[in-house]
Amino acid sequence: MAFVILDPCGPEKSAECVSVCPVDCIEEGPDQFYIDPDVCIDCGACVAVCPVDAIVEEYDLTPDQEVFLEKAEEFFANK
C-alpha cells in the first residue's frame, strides 16, 4: 500500500511532506505534490506533517478520490 495526496494539496503545496520522507518518493508536480506508489514504504511520516490533511492511505480512498492515485501513477510513469 502507499499513501496518496488529495486535492487540498493543490492550493497549499507547503512541501513539509517532501523533507520528512525517508525514501524520497514525493515530488512536486504542476498542480500538487505526488507520492510514487511504487516507492512509498507506507511509513506515514508525511501524514503527520501535512498542514491540510491531504494525505491518506491508498486503501482509505473513496471512489471519487481514486483519481488522485491514478494521477500519481501517471505522473511517475511519465518520468
N, C-alpha and C. Protein backbone atom coordinates (compact mmCIF):
# COMPACT_ATOMS: atom_id res chain seq x y z
N MET A 1 0.83 -1.19 0.00
CA MET A 1 0.00 0.00 0.00
C MET A 1 0.88 1.25 0.00
N ALA A 2 0.29 2.31 -0.45
CA ALA A 2 1.00 3.60 -0.49
C ALA A 2 0.07 4.69 -0.01
N PHE A 3 0.65 5.81 0.29
CA PHE A 3 -0.14 6.98 0.62
C PHE A 3 -0.41 7.77 -0.65
N VAL A 4 -1.51 8.54 -0.63
CA VAL A 4 -1.93 9.31 -1.79
C VAL A 4 -2.22 10.74 -1.33
N ILE A 5 -1.79 11.70 -2.12
CA ILE A 5 -2.04 13.11 -1.81
C ILE A 5 -3.28 13.56 -2.57
N LEU A 6 -4.22 14.14 -1.85
CA LEU A 6 -5.50 14.56 -2.41
C LEU A 6 -5.51 16.04 -2.78
N ASP A 7 -6.66 16.51 -3.25
CA ASP A 7 -6.79 17.87 -3.77
C ASP A 7 -6.52 19.02 -2.80
N PRO A 8 -6.66 18.88 -1.48
CA PRO A 8 -6.31 20.03 -0.63
C PRO A 8 -4.85 20.47 -0.78
N CYS A 9 -4.01 19.59 -1.31
CA CYS A 9 -2.60 19.94 -1.51
C CYS A 9 -2.43 21.01 -2.58
N GLY A 10 -3.27 20.98 -3.60
CA GLY A 10 -3.12 21.88 -4.74
C GLY A 10 -2.92 23.33 -4.38
N PRO A 11 -3.85 23.93 -3.66
CA PRO A 11 -3.68 25.34 -3.33
C PRO A 11 -2.59 25.60 -2.28
N GLU A 12 -2.32 24.60 -1.45
CA GLU A 12 -1.38 24.78 -0.34
C GLU A 12 0.07 24.56 -0.79
N LYS A 13 0.36 23.38 -1.33
CA LYS A 13 1.71 22.98 -1.76
C LYS A 13 2.79 23.44 -0.78
N SER A 14 2.62 23.07 0.49
CA SER A 14 3.54 23.54 1.52
C SER A 14 4.85 22.76 1.59
N ALA A 15 4.89 21.53 1.13
CA ALA A 15 6.11 20.74 0.96
C ALA A 15 6.74 20.16 2.22
N GLU A 16 6.09 20.27 3.36
CA GLU A 16 6.66 19.63 4.56
C GLU A 16 6.83 18.13 4.35
N CYS A 17 5.93 17.54 3.59
CA CYS A 17 5.98 16.10 3.36
C CYS A 17 7.27 15.67 2.65
N VAL A 18 7.75 16.49 1.76
CA VAL A 18 8.95 16.14 0.98
C VAL A 18 10.16 15.95 1.89
N SER A 19 10.33 16.84 2.82
CA SER A 19 11.54 16.80 3.66
C SER A 19 11.53 15.67 4.69
N VAL A 20 10.36 15.12 5.03
CA VAL A 20 10.32 14.05 6.03
C VAL A 20 10.28 12.65 5.43
N CYS A 21 10.12 12.55 4.13
CA CYS A 21 10.01 11.23 3.50
C CYS A 21 11.38 10.53 3.52
N PRO A 22 11.46 9.36 4.16
CA PRO A 22 12.76 8.68 4.26
C PRO A 22 13.22 8.04 2.96
N VAL A 23 12.33 7.88 1.98
CA VAL A 23 12.72 7.25 0.73
C VAL A 23 12.61 8.19 -0.47
N ASP A 24 12.41 9.47 -0.20
CA ASP A 24 12.34 10.50 -1.26
C ASP A 24 11.37 10.13 -2.38
N CYS A 25 10.16 9.72 -2.01
CA CYS A 25 9.20 9.32 -3.03
C CYS A 25 8.15 10.40 -3.33
N ILE A 26 8.32 11.60 -2.78
CA ILE A 26 7.36 12.68 -3.01
C ILE A 26 8.01 13.74 -3.89
N GLU A 27 7.31 14.06 -4.98
CA GLU A 27 7.81 15.07 -5.91
C GLU A 27 6.73 16.09 -6.23
N GLU A 28 7.17 17.28 -6.57
CA GLU A 28 6.24 18.33 -6.93
C GLU A 28 5.84 18.20 -8.39
N GLY A 29 4.54 18.21 -8.63
CA GLY A 29 4.01 18.22 -9.97
C GLY A 29 3.48 19.61 -10.30
N PRO A 30 2.89 19.77 -11.46
CA PRO A 30 2.41 21.09 -11.85
C PRO A 30 1.26 21.62 -11.01
N ASP A 31 0.46 20.72 -10.45
CA ASP A 31 -0.71 21.15 -9.70
C ASP A 31 -0.70 20.78 -8.22
N GLN A 32 0.15 19.84 -7.82
CA GLN A 32 0.23 19.39 -6.44
C GLN A 32 1.47 18.51 -6.29
N PHE A 33 1.70 18.02 -5.08
CA PHE A 33 2.76 17.05 -4.86
C PHE A 33 2.19 15.65 -5.09
N TYR A 34 3.07 14.72 -5.48
CA TYR A 34 2.66 13.34 -5.73
C TYR A 34 3.58 12.38 -4.99
N ILE A 35 3.00 11.28 -4.53
CA ILE A 35 3.76 10.21 -3.89
C ILE A 35 3.87 9.06 -4.88
N ASP A 36 5.10 8.60 -5.12
CA ASP A 36 5.31 7.49 -6.03
C ASP A 36 4.81 6.21 -5.35
N PRO A 37 3.72 5.61 -5.85
CA PRO A 37 3.16 4.44 -5.19
C PRO A 37 4.05 3.21 -5.25
N ASP A 38 5.02 3.19 -6.17
CA ASP A 38 5.93 2.05 -6.27
C ASP A 38 7.11 2.17 -5.31
N VAL A 39 7.34 3.36 -4.76
CA VAL A 39 8.48 3.58 -3.88
C VAL A 39 8.07 3.79 -2.42
N CYS A 40 6.87 4.31 -2.20
CA CYS A 40 6.38 4.59 -0.85
C CYS A 40 6.45 3.34 0.02
N ILE A 41 6.99 3.50 1.23
CA ILE A 41 7.11 2.38 2.16
C ILE A 41 6.01 2.41 3.22
N ASP A 42 5.04 3.29 3.07
CA ASP A 42 3.87 3.35 3.94
C ASP A 42 4.24 3.64 5.40
N CYS A 43 5.21 4.53 5.59
CA CYS A 43 5.66 4.84 6.95
C CYS A 43 4.77 5.86 7.66
N GLY A 44 4.09 6.71 6.90
CA GLY A 44 3.19 7.69 7.48
C GLY A 44 3.82 8.99 7.94
N ALA A 45 5.10 9.17 7.72
CA ALA A 45 5.76 10.41 8.16
C ALA A 45 5.15 11.63 7.49
N CYS A 46 4.77 11.49 6.25
CA CYS A 46 4.18 12.61 5.51
C CYS A 46 2.82 13.03 6.08
N VAL A 47 2.06 12.05 6.52
CA VAL A 47 0.73 12.33 7.07
C VAL A 47 0.83 13.22 8.30
N ALA A 48 1.80 12.93 9.13
CA ALA A 48 1.95 13.66 10.39
C ALA A 48 2.28 15.13 10.20
N VAL A 49 2.90 15.49 9.09
CA VAL A 49 3.32 16.89 8.90
C VAL A 49 2.46 17.67 7.92
N CYS A 50 1.53 17.03 7.26
CA CYS A 50 0.71 17.73 6.26
C CYS A 50 -0.23 18.72 6.96
N PRO A 51 -0.10 20.01 6.66
CA PRO A 51 -0.91 21.01 7.35
C PRO A 51 -2.37 21.06 6.90
N VAL A 52 -2.69 20.39 5.79
CA VAL A 52 -4.07 20.43 5.29
C VAL A 52 -4.73 19.05 5.24
N ASP A 53 -4.13 18.07 5.90
CA ASP A 53 -4.68 16.71 5.94
C ASP A 53 -5.02 16.17 4.55
N ALA A 54 -4.11 16.36 3.62
CA ALA A 54 -4.34 15.96 2.24
C ALA A 54 -3.80 14.57 1.91
N ILE A 55 -3.25 13.86 2.88
CA ILE A 55 -2.60 12.58 2.58
C ILE A 55 -3.36 11.45 3.29
N VAL A 56 -3.76 10.45 2.49
CA VAL A 56 -4.48 9.30 3.03
C VAL A 56 -3.86 8.02 2.50
N GLU A 57 -4.13 6.93 3.19
CA GLU A 57 -3.66 5.64 2.71
C GLU A 57 -4.49 5.21 1.51
N GLU A 58 -3.84 4.53 0.61
CA GLU A 58 -4.49 4.11 -0.62
C GLU A 58 -5.78 3.34 -0.36
N TYR A 59 -5.79 2.45 0.62
CA TYR A 59 -6.98 1.64 0.87
C TYR A 59 -8.12 2.44 1.52
N ASP A 60 -7.85 3.67 1.96
CA ASP A 60 -8.90 4.52 2.52
C ASP A 60 -9.53 5.46 1.49
N LEU A 61 -9.08 5.38 0.25
CA LEU A 61 -9.63 6.26 -0.78
C LEU A 61 -11.10 5.93 -1.05
N THR A 62 -11.89 6.97 -1.19
CA THR A 62 -13.27 6.78 -1.63
C THR A 62 -13.25 6.66 -3.15
N PRO A 63 -14.31 6.16 -3.75
CA PRO A 63 -14.31 6.03 -5.21
C PRO A 63 -14.00 7.34 -5.94
N ASP A 64 -14.50 8.45 -5.44
CA ASP A 64 -14.23 9.73 -6.12
C ASP A 64 -12.81 10.24 -5.90
N GLN A 65 -12.09 9.68 -4.93
CA GLN A 65 -10.71 10.08 -4.66
C GLN A 65 -9.70 9.22 -5.42
N GLU A 66 -10.13 8.12 -5.99
CA GLU A 66 -9.20 7.21 -6.68
C GLU A 66 -8.50 7.89 -7.85
N VAL A 67 -9.08 8.96 -8.35
CA VAL A 67 -8.45 9.71 -9.44
C VAL A 67 -7.08 10.25 -9.02
N PHE A 68 -6.90 10.53 -7.72
CA PHE A 68 -5.62 11.06 -7.25
C PHE A 68 -4.53 9.99 -7.26
N LEU A 69 -4.87 8.75 -7.02
CA LEU A 69 -3.91 7.66 -7.17
C LEU A 69 -3.55 7.50 -8.64
N GLU A 70 -4.55 7.57 -9.50
CA GLU A 70 -4.31 7.45 -10.94
C GLU A 70 -3.40 8.59 -11.43
N LYS A 71 -3.64 9.80 -10.93
CA LYS A 71 -2.80 10.94 -11.32
C LYS A 71 -1.35 10.73 -10.88
N ALA A 72 -1.15 10.19 -9.67
CA ALA A 72 0.20 9.93 -9.18
C ALA A 72 0.89 8.85 -10.02
N GLU A 73 0.17 7.78 -10.32
CA GLU A 73 0.74 6.72 -11.14
C GLU A 73 1.13 7.26 -12.52
N GLU A 74 0.27 8.08 -13.09
CA GLU A 74 0.55 8.67 -14.40
C GLU A 74 1.75 9.63 -14.34
N PHE A 75 1.82 10.43 -13.28
CA PHE A 75 2.93 11.38 -13.11
C PHE A 75 4.27 10.65 -13.08
N PHE A 76 4.34 9.57 -12.31
CA PHE A 76 5.62 8.84 -12.20
C PHE A 76 5.88 7.93 -13.40
N ALA A 77 4.85 7.49 -14.10
CA ALA A 77 5.04 6.68 -15.31
C ALA A 77 5.68 7.49 -16.41
N ASN A 78 5.42 8.80 -16.40
CA ASN A 78 5.96 9.67 -17.44
C ASN A 78 7.34 10.24 -17.09
N LYS A 79 7.97 9.74 -16.06
CA LYS A 79 9.30 10.25 -15.66
C LYS A 79 10.39 9.39 -16.24
